[in-house]
């Protein structure tokens, strides 16, 4: 027997967590394109995990475990993975370490906020969410990272750092942002597929040195 209450409801969360952990490993060995692809794949897994989980009946103990497991897995995918990518692409600069730490703080704060009971989350808006959803980073970060193929490193690392600061701040800002309409989901998935294919063909993201 093992600890935890892993069940079939956790299949896609486990899938996403696996790619999150693998993505961190890829960043450590300089395979940045696979790090980015892992972020995209993990995020797609989360998008469908909500629908998948709703297909099963769960006991209270399972629901409690699932909530904790979901939050902790997202801390790997949306905090640790992007942070490791930033540090890797910036060649381990002091600036990137500081920005990565601030980015992680922003993600954890957002996860903690929405892990509360809904009555403690503040004002709710129909069709809107407070701050930028974490899933949006799986689109914004890959698109911004494409610049690393065409601009010098001494410029790219600052562009990337500024982008992370803006994205991180957007996670925790108390501002209602319209939720993505369900009918747009297919376009997001197509864009994600295009980005995955692009990074496969582009290869390791090695910024052009000045």
C-alpha atoms as a PDB file:
ATOM      1  CA  UNK A   1       0.000   0.000   0.000  1.00  0.00           C
ATOM      2  CA  UNK A   2       1.075   3.572  -0.630  1.00  0.00           C
ATOM      3  CA  UNK A   3       0.399   6.910   0.981  1.00  0.00           C
ATOM      4  CA  UNK A   4      -2.227   9.184  -0.531  1.00  0.00           C
ATOM      5  CA  UNK A   5      -5.502   8.412  -2.202  1.00  0.00           C
ATOM      6  CA  UNK A   6      -4.447   8.275  -5.839  1.00  0.00           C
ATOM      7  CA  UNK A   7      -7.374   7.215  -7.986  1.00  0.00           C
ATOM      8  CA  UNK A   8      -8.537   7.349 -11.591  1.00  0.00           C
ATOM      9  CA  UNK A   9      -9.592  10.977 -11.127  1.00  0.00           C
ATOM     10  CA  UNK A  10      -5.927  11.921 -10.748  1.00  0.00           C
ATOM     11  CA  UNK A  11      -4.852  10.479 -14.096  1.00  0.00           C
ATOM     12  CA  UNK A  12      -4.535  13.785 -15.966  1.00  0.00           C
ATOM     13  CA  UNK A  13      -3.082  15.583 -12.946  1.00  0.00           C
ATOM     14  CA  UNK A  14      -0.414  12.887 -12.726  1.00  0.00           C
ATOM     15  CA  UNK A  15       0.134  13.287 -16.468  1.00  0.00           C
ATOM     16  CA  UNK A  16       0.649  17.037 -16.097  1.00  0.00           C
ATOM     17  CA  UNK A  17       2.861  16.671 -13.025  1.00  0.00           C
ATOM     18  CA  UNK A  18       5.042  14.158 -14.867  1.00  0.00           C
ATOM     19  CA  UNK A  19       5.633  16.583 -17.728  1.00  0.00           C
ATOM     20  CA  UNK A  20       6.206  19.393 -15.243  1.00  0.00           C
ATOM     21  CA  UNK A  21       8.936  17.411 -13.506  1.00  0.00           C
ATOM     22  CA  UNK A  22      10.431  16.279 -16.811  1.00  0.00           C
ATOM     23  CA  UNK A  23      10.416  19.881 -18.023  1.00  0.00           C
ATOM     24  CA  UNK A  24      12.465  20.978 -15.012  1.00  0.00           C
ATOM     25  CA  UNK A  25      14.956  18.236 -15.811  1.00  0.00           C
ATOM     26  CA  UNK A  26      15.202  19.327 -19.445  1.00  0.00           C
ATOM     27  CA  UNK A  27      16.003  22.885 -18.368  1.00  0.00           C
ATOM     28  CA  UNK A  28      18.872  21.565 -16.257  1.00  0.00           C
ATOM     29  CA  UNK A  29      20.503  19.885 -19.246  1.00  0.00           C
ATOM     30  CA  UNK A  30      19.997  22.799 -21.636  1.00  0.00           C
ATOM     31  CA  UNK A  31      17.162  21.268 -23.663  1.00  0.00           C
ATOM     32  CA  UNK A  32      15.039  24.386 -23.415  1.00  0.00           C
ATOM     33  CA  UNK A  33      12.777  23.513 -26.326  1.00  0.00           C
ATOM     34  CA  UNK A  34      11.648  20.378 -24.515  1.00  0.00           C
ATOM     35  CA  UNK A  35      11.156  22.388 -21.318  1.00  0.00           C
ATOM     36  CA  UNK A  36       8.767  24.683 -23.166  1.00  0.00           C
ATOM     37  CA  UNK A  37       7.001  21.774 -24.853  1.00  0.00           C
ATOM     38  CA  UNK A  38       6.585  20.110 -21.447  1.00  0.00           C
ATOM     39  CA  UNK A  39       4.966  23.278 -20.089  1.00  0.00           C
ATOM     40  CA  UNK A  40       2.489  23.336 -22.967  1.00  0.00           C
ATOM     41  CA  UNK A  41       1.616  19.634 -22.706  1.00  0.00           C
ATOM     42  CA  UNK A  42       1.201  19.809 -18.927  1.00  0.00           C
ATOM     43  CA  UNK A  43      -1.112  22.792 -19.274  1.00  0.00           C
ATOM     44  CA  UNK A  44      -3.263  21.006 -21.843  1.00  0.00           C
ATOM     45  CA  UNK A  45      -3.561  18.150 -19.361  1.00  0.00           C
ATOM     46  CA  UNK A  46      -4.892  20.542 -16.721  1.00  0.00           C
ATOM     47  CA  UNK A  47      -7.410  22.032 -19.148  1.00  0.00           C
ATOM     48  CA  UNK A  48      -9.007  18.617 -19.621  1.00  0.00           C
ATOM     49  CA  UNK A  49      -8.511  17.404 -16.054  1.00  0.00           C
ATOM     50  CA  UNK A  50     -11.486  19.427 -14.791  1.00  0.00           C
ATOM     51  CA  UNK A  51     -13.812  17.770 -17.292  1.00  0.00           C
ATOM     52  CA  UNK A  52     -12.265  14.369 -16.686  1.00  0.00           C
ATOM     53  CA  UNK A  53     -12.607  14.570 -12.897  1.00  0.00           C
ATOM     54  CA  UNK A  54     -16.269  15.552 -13.184  1.00  0.00           C
ATOM     55  CA  UNK A  55     -16.968  12.157 -14.758  1.00  0.00           C
ATOM     56  CA  UNK A  56     -16.380  10.334 -11.451  1.00  0.00           C
ATOM     57  CA  UNK A  57     -18.073  10.259  -8.094  1.00  0.00           C
ATOM     58  CA  UNK A  58     -15.663  10.873  -5.220  1.00  0.00           C
ATOM     59  CA  UNK A  59     -15.766  10.502  -1.465  1.00  0.00           C
ATOM     60  CA  UNK A  60     -14.966  13.494   0.727  1.00  0.00           C
ATOM     61  CA  UNK A  61     -11.542  12.072   1.571  1.00  0.00           C
ATOM     62  CA  UNK A  62     -10.711  11.732  -2.118  1.00  0.00           C
ATOM     63  CA  UNK A  63     -11.888  15.267  -2.874  1.00  0.00           C
ATOM     64  CA  UNK A  64      -9.705  16.641  -0.075  1.00  0.00           C
ATOM     65  CA  UNK A  65      -6.667  14.742  -1.370  1.00  0.00           C
ATOM     66  CA  UNK A  66      -7.388  15.717  -4.978  1.00  0.00           C
ATOM     67  CA  UNK A  67      -7.496  19.420  -4.102  1.00  0.00           C
ATOM     68  CA  UNK A  68      -4.149  19.282  -2.324  1.00  0.00           C
ATOM     69  CA  UNK A  69      -2.594  17.172  -5.056  1.00  0.00           C
ATOM     70  CA  UNK A  70      -3.823  19.539  -7.759  1.00  0.00           C
ATOM     71  CA  UNK A  71      -2.381  22.629  -6.061  1.00  0.00           C
ATOM     72  CA  UNK A  72       0.987  21.031  -5.339  1.00  0.00           C
ATOM     73  CA  UNK A  73       1.306  19.675  -8.867  1.00  0.00           C
ATOM     74  CA  UNK A  74       0.532  23.113 -10.309  1.00  0.00           C
ATOM     75  CA  UNK A  75       3.268  24.617  -8.169  1.00  0.00           C
ATOM     76  CA  UNK A  76       5.710  22.416 -10.089  1.00  0.00           C
ATOM     77  CA  UNK A  77       4.251  23.091 -13.546  1.00  0.00           C
ATOM     78  CA  UNK A  78       3.509  26.805 -13.250  1.00  0.00           C
ATOM     79  CA  UNK A  79       6.146  27.912 -10.726  1.00  0.00           C
ATOM     80  CA  UNK A  80       9.198  25.650 -10.701  1.00  0.00           C
ATOM     81  CA  UNK A  81       9.248  24.767 -14.413  1.00  0.00           C
ATOM     82  CA  UNK A  82       9.031  28.354 -15.769  1.00  0.00           C
ATOM     83  CA  UNK A  83      11.516  29.543 -13.136  1.00  0.00           C
ATOM     84  CA  UNK A  84      14.043  26.901 -14.148  1.00  0.00           C
ATOM     85  CA  UNK A  85      13.501  27.829 -17.800  1.00  0.00           C
ATOM     86  CA  UNK A  86      14.188  31.515 -17.109  1.00  0.00           C
ATOM     87  CA  UNK A  87      17.397  30.772 -15.226  1.00  0.00           C
ATOM     88  CA  UNK A  88      18.555  28.366 -17.933  1.00  0.00           C
ATOM     89  CA  UNK A  89      17.882  30.756 -20.821  1.00  0.00           C
ATOM     90  CA  UNK A  90      19.522  33.635 -18.942  1.00  0.00           C
ATOM     91  CA  UNK A  91      22.650  31.538 -18.344  1.00  0.00           C
ATOM     92  CA  UNK A  92      22.157  31.640 -14.589  1.00  0.00           C
ATOM     93  CA  UNK A  93      22.402  35.413 -14.169  1.00  0.00           C
ATOM     94  CA  UNK A  94      21.734  36.976 -10.765  1.00  0.00           C
ATOM     95  CA  UNK A  95      18.846  38.950 -12.267  1.00  0.00           C
ATOM     96  CA  UNK A  96      17.170  35.798 -13.537  1.00  0.00           C
ATOM     97  CA  UNK A  97      17.441  34.134 -10.121  1.00  0.00           C
ATOM     98  CA  UNK A  98      15.790  37.103  -8.412  1.00  0.00           C
ATOM     99  CA  UNK A  99      13.038  37.399 -11.038  1.00  0.00           C
ATOM    100  CA  UNK A 100      12.451  33.629 -10.933  1.00  0.00           C
ATOM    101  CA  UNK A 101      12.060  33.780  -7.146  1.00  0.00           C
ATOM    102  CA  UNK A 102       9.520  36.608  -7.419  1.00  0.00           C
ATOM    103  CA  UNK A 103       7.675  34.689 -10.136  1.00  0.00           C
ATOM    104  CA  UNK A 104       7.447  31.610  -7.927  1.00  0.00           C
ATOM    105  CA  UNK A 105       6.082  33.736  -5.080  1.00  0.00           C
ATOM    106  CA  UNK A 106       3.366  35.144  -7.374  1.00  0.00           C
ATOM    107  CA  UNK A 107       2.289  31.676  -8.538  1.00  0.00           C
ATOM    108  CA  UNK A 108       2.187  30.273  -4.994  1.00  0.00           C
ATOM    109  CA  UNK A 109       0.180  33.263  -3.738  1.00  0.00           C
ATOM    110  CA  UNK A 110      -2.370  32.778  -6.516  1.00  0.00           C
ATOM    111  CA  UNK A 111      -2.626  29.049  -5.867  1.00  0.00           C
ATOM    112  CA  UNK A 112      -3.068  29.626  -2.143  1.00  0.00           C
ATOM    113  CA  UNK A 113      -5.723  32.287  -2.728  1.00  0.00           C
ATOM    114  CA  UNK A 114      -7.897  30.109  -4.954  1.00  0.00           C
ATOM    115  CA  UNK A 115      -7.366  27.070  -2.747  1.00  0.00           C
ATOM    116  CA  UNK A 116      -9.399  28.831  -0.049  1.00  0.00           C
ATOM    117  CA  UNK A 117     -13.105  28.306   0.416  1.00  0.00           C
ATOM    118  CA  UNK A 118     -14.934  30.481  -2.100  1.00  0.00           C
ATOM    119  CA  UNK A 119     -16.353  32.742   0.610  1.00  0.00           C
ATOM    120  CA  UNK A 120     -12.807  33.834   1.466  1.00  0.00           C
ATOM    121  CA  UNK A 121     -11.782  34.576  -2.128  1.00  0.00           C
ATOM    122  CA  UNK A 122     -13.361  38.008  -2.259  1.00  0.00           C
ATOM    123  CA  UNK A 123     -15.794  39.414  -4.782  1.00  0.00           C
ATOM    124  CA  UNK A 124     -16.766  37.056  -7.603  1.00  0.00           C
ATOM    125  CA  UNK A 125     -17.651  38.127 -11.139  1.00  0.00           C
ATOM    126  CA  UNK A 126     -19.738  36.130 -13.603  1.00  0.00           C
ATOM    127  CA  UNK A 127     -17.684  35.114 -16.625  1.00  0.00           C
ATOM    128  CA  UNK A 128     -14.547  36.683 -15.177  1.00  0.00           C
ATOM    129  CA  UNK A 129     -11.596  35.667 -13.026  1.00  0.00           C
ATOM    130  CA  UNK A 130      -9.454  37.718 -10.690  1.00  0.00           C
ATOM    131  CA  UNK A 131      -6.031  38.155 -12.249  1.00  0.00           C
ATOM    132  CA  UNK A 132      -4.427  36.244 -15.103  1.00  0.00           C
ATOM    133  CA  UNK A 133      -5.064  32.459 -15.037  1.00  0.00           C
ATOM    134  CA  UNK A 134      -1.916  30.370 -14.620  1.00  0.00           C
ATOM    135  CA  UNK A 135      -2.720  28.442 -17.791  1.00  0.00           C
ATOM    136  CA  UNK A 136      -2.122  31.603 -19.825  1.00  0.00           C
ATOM    137  CA  UNK A 137       1.593  31.366 -19.048  1.00  0.00           C
ATOM    138  CA  UNK A 138       1.758  28.185 -21.155  1.00  0.00           C
ATOM    139  CA  UNK A 139       1.006  30.357 -24.188  1.00  0.00           C
ATOM    140  CA  UNK A 140       2.720  33.640 -23.321  1.00  0.00           C
ATOM    141  CA  UNK A 141       6.056  32.188 -22.197  1.00  0.00           C
ATOM    142  CA  UNK A 142       6.568  30.022 -25.326  1.00  0.00           C
ATOM    143  CA  UNK A 143       5.657  32.906 -27.648  1.00  0.00           C
ATOM    144  CA  UNK A 144       8.056  35.279 -25.866  1.00  0.00           C
ATOM    145  CA  UNK A 145      10.757  32.600 -25.844  1.00  0.00           C
ATOM    146  CA  UNK A 146      10.719  32.522 -29.646  1.00  0.00           C
ATOM    147  CA  UNK A 147      12.537  35.845 -29.516  1.00  0.00           C
ATOM    148  CA  UNK A 148      15.548  33.978 -28.177  1.00  0.00           C
ATOM    149  CA  UNK A 149      16.192  32.579 -31.623  1.00  0.00           C
ATOM    150  CA  UNK A 150      16.521  35.975 -33.283  1.00  0.00           C
ATOM    151  CA  UNK A 151      17.844  38.562 -30.826  1.00  0.00           C
ATOM    152  CA  UNK A 152      21.149  38.762 -28.922  1.00  0.00           C
ATOM    153  CA  UNK A 153      21.393  37.208 -25.462  1.00  0.00           C
ATOM    154  CA  UNK A 154      22.260  40.496 -23.762  1.00  0.00           C
ATOM    155  CA  UNK A 155      18.904  41.847 -24.933  1.00  0.00           C
ATOM    156  CA  UNK A 156      16.850  38.665 -24.761  1.00  0.00           C
ATOM    157  CA  UNK A 157      17.569  37.920 -21.097  1.00  0.00           C
ATOM    158  CA  UNK A 158      16.228  41.328 -20.079  1.00  0.00           C
ATOM    159  CA  UNK A 159      13.177  41.004 -22.329  1.00  0.00           C
ATOM    160  CA  UNK A 160      12.448  37.615 -20.775  1.00  0.00           C
ATOM    161  CA  UNK A 161      12.935  38.925 -17.231  1.00  0.00           C
ATOM    162  CA  UNK A 162      10.568  41.849 -17.851  1.00  0.00           C
ATOM    163  CA  UNK A 163       8.001  39.479 -19.377  1.00  0.00           C
ATOM    164  CA  UNK A 164       8.156  37.247 -16.289  1.00  0.00           C
ATOM    165  CA  UNK A 165       7.688  40.248 -14.008  1.00  0.00           C
ATOM    166  CA  UNK A 166       4.621  41.368 -15.965  1.00  0.00           C
ATOM    167  CA  UNK A 167       3.122  37.862 -16.101  1.00  0.00           C
ATOM    168  CA  UNK A 168       3.836  37.261 -12.407  1.00  0.00           C
ATOM    169  CA  UNK A 169       2.266  40.563 -11.409  1.00  0.00           C
ATOM    170  CA  UNK A 170      -0.766  39.734 -13.558  1.00  0.00           C
ATOM    171  CA  UNK A 171      -1.278  36.536 -11.559  1.00  0.00           C
ATOM    172  CA  UNK A 172      -1.820  38.406  -8.300  1.00  0.00           C
ATOM    173  CA  UNK A 173      -3.352  41.707  -9.406  1.00  0.00           C
ATOM    174  CA  UNK A 174      -6.901  42.102  -8.126  1.00  0.00           C
ATOM    175  CA  UNK A 175      -8.518  42.898 -11.450  1.00  0.00           C
ATOM    176  CA  UNK A 176     -11.355  41.008 -13.177  1.00  0.00           C
ATOM    177  CA  UNK A 177     -10.273  39.424 -16.463  1.00  0.00           C
ATOM    178  CA  UNK A 178     -12.836  37.817 -18.818  1.00  0.00           C
ATOM    179  CA  UNK A 179     -12.648  34.026 -18.902  1.00  0.00           C
ATOM    180  CA  UNK A 180     -11.849  32.405 -22.207  1.00  0.00           C
ATOM    181  CA  UNK A 181     -15.113  31.378 -23.942  1.00  0.00           C
ATOM    182  CA  UNK A 182     -15.464  27.619 -24.363  1.00  0.00           C
ATOM    183  CA  UNK A 183     -15.773  28.016 -28.132  1.00  0.00           C
ATOM    184  CA  UNK A 184     -12.266  29.515 -28.224  1.00  0.00           C
ATOM    185  CA  UNK A 185     -10.701  26.490 -26.555  1.00  0.00           C
ATOM    186  CA  UNK A 186     -10.156  24.717 -29.869  1.00  0.00           C
ATOM    187  CA  UNK A 187      -8.172  27.702 -31.175  1.00  0.00           C
ATOM    188  CA  UNK A 188      -6.004  27.701 -28.060  1.00  0.00           C
ATOM    189  CA  UNK A 189      -5.305  23.995 -28.529  1.00  0.00           C
ATOM    190  CA  UNK A 190      -4.407  24.573 -32.195  1.00  0.00           C
ATOM    191  CA  UNK A 191      -2.028  27.359 -31.167  1.00  0.00           C
ATOM    192  CA  UNK A 192      -0.490  25.069 -28.549  1.00  0.00           C
ATOM    193  CA  UNK A 193       0.042  22.375 -31.199  1.00  0.00           C
ATOM    194  CA  UNK A 194       1.631  24.885 -33.573  1.00  0.00           C
ATOM    195  CA  UNK A 195       4.017  26.024 -30.826  1.00  0.00           C
ATOM    196  CA  UNK A 196       4.981  22.440 -29.979  1.00  0.00           C
ATOM    197  CA  UNK A 197       5.746  21.664 -33.623  1.00  0.00           C
ATOM    198  CA  UNK A 198       7.661  24.933 -33.995  1.00  0.00           C
ATOM    199  CA  UNK A 199       9.928  24.212 -31.031  1.00  0.00           C
ATOM    200  CA  UNK A 200      10.541  20.649 -32.207  1.00  0.00           C
ATOM    201  CA  UNK A 201      11.802  21.951 -35.559  1.00  0.00           C
ATOM    202  CA  UNK A 202      13.678  24.933 -34.125  1.00  0.00           C
ATOM    203  CA  UNK A 203      15.631  22.775 -31.720  1.00  0.00           C
ATOM    204  CA  UNK A 204      17.436  23.890 -28.583  1.00  0.00           C
ATOM    205  CA  UNK A 205      16.749  27.530 -27.873  1.00  0.00           C
ATOM    206  CA  UNK A 206      20.223  29.024 -28.040  1.00  0.00           C
ATOM    207  CA  UNK A 207      19.960  32.827 -28.005  1.00  0.00           C
ATOM    208  CA  UNK A 208      22.136  34.600 -30.570  1.00  0.00           C
ATOM    209  CA  UNK A 209      25.157  36.163 -28.913  1.00  0.00           C
ATOM    210  CA  UNK A 210      25.947  39.796 -29.678  1.00  0.00           C
END
